[in-house]
Amino acid sequence: MDKPIYLLPVLGCAAMMGLMMLMMRGNHSGHHAVQPQPDPHTQEEIAMLRAELATLRAEQDRANDSVERAGRD
């Protein structure tokens, strides 16, 4: 009679884990919806920011090149 009592926590834990997995599966079923497209104004703003970033990177590269040339002289 003592041996089955020791198995109860193990079986209870396994059963609870199984129930939790089933509950989690049900909660995640609606997360695969299609993402809405951003409005055109946002797309234009992103394009402007990317262009500005490219300009700033080019200026930084030119500044780094001039510092390297000055260090060599």
Protein backbone atom coordinates (compact mmCIF):
# COMPACT_ATOMS: atom_id res chain seq x y z
CA MET A 1 0.00 0.00 0.00
CA ASP A 2 2.95 2.37 0.60
CA LYS A 3 4.33 2.15 -2.93
CA PRO A 4 1.28 3.55 -4.80
CA ILE A 5 1.27 6.59 -2.50
CA TYR A 6 4.77 7.53 -3.72
CA LEU A 7 3.58 7.40 -7.33
CA LEU A 8 0.72 9.87 -6.82
CA PRO A 9 2.88 13.06 -6.98
CA VAL A 10 4.65 11.81 -10.12
CA LEU A 11 1.41 10.95 -11.87
CA GLY A 12 -0.21 14.17 -10.71
CA CYS A 13 2.69 16.22 -12.06
CA ALA A 14 2.54 14.47 -15.44
CA ALA A 15 -1.21 14.99 -15.65
CA MET A 16 -0.92 18.69 -14.80
CA MET A 17 1.82 19.19 -17.40
CA GLY A 18 -0.36 17.54 -20.03
CA LEU A 19 -3.29 19.79 -19.16
CA MET A 20 -1.12 22.89 -19.28
CA MET A 21 0.22 21.92 -22.70
CA LEU A 22 -3.32 21.51 -24.00
CA MET A 23 -4.29 24.89 -22.58
CA MET A 24 -1.28 26.60 -24.17
CA ARG A 25 -2.02 25.05 -27.54
CA GLY A 26 -5.52 26.52 -27.46
CA ASN A 27 -4.25 30.01 -26.60
CA HIS A 28 -1.78 30.22 -29.48
CA SER A 29 -4.11 29.17 -32.29
CA GLY A 30 -5.13 32.77 -33.17
CA HIS A 31 -1.61 34.23 -33.41
CA HIS A 32 -1.08 33.30 -37.06
CA ALA A 33 -3.28 36.07 -38.45
CA VAL A 34 -2.14 38.18 -41.41
CA GLN A 35 -0.43 41.40 -40.38
CA PRO A 36 -2.09 44.58 -41.68
CA GLN A 37 -0.10 46.68 -44.13
CA PRO A 38 1.13 50.05 -42.80
CA ASP A 39 -0.36 53.15 -44.34
CA PRO A 40 1.47 54.85 -47.26
CA HIS A 41 2.53 57.78 -45.08
CA THR A 42 4.49 55.38 -42.87
CA GLN A 43 6.09 53.77 -45.93
CA GLU A 44 7.21 57.21 -47.18
CA GLU A 45 8.62 58.10 -43.78
CA ILE A 46 10.56 54.83 -43.64
CA ALA A 47 12.00 55.50 -47.11
CA MET A 48 13.06 59.03 -46.09
CA LEU A 49 14.71 57.75 -42.90
CA ARG A 50 16.58 55.05 -44.82
CA ALA A 51 17.86 57.65 -47.30
CA GLU A 52 18.95 59.91 -44.43
CA LEU A 53 20.72 56.98 -42.78
CA ALA A 54 22.57 56.19 -46.02
CA THR A 55 23.65 59.84 -46.32
CA LEU A 56 24.89 59.94 -42.72
CA ARG A 57 26.82 56.70 -43.18
CA ALA A 58 28.47 58.06 -46.33
CA GLU A 59 29.46 61.26 -44.49
CA GLN A 60 30.86 59.21 -41.62
CA ASP A 61 32.87 57.06 -44.04
CA ARG A 62 34.30 60.19 -45.71
CA ALA A 63 35.22 61.64 -42.30
CA ASN A 64 36.91 58.39 -41.26
CA ASP A 65 38.85 58.29 -44.54
CA SER A 66 40.10 61.84 -44.07
CA VAL A 67 41.20 61.08 -40.49
CA GLU A 68 43.07 58.00 -41.69
CA ARG A 69 44.80 60.00 -44.44
CA ALA A 70 45.77 62.72 -41.95
CA GLY A 71 47.21 60.09 -39.62
CA ARG A 72 49.40 58.66 -42.37
CA ASP A 73 50.96 62.02 -43.27
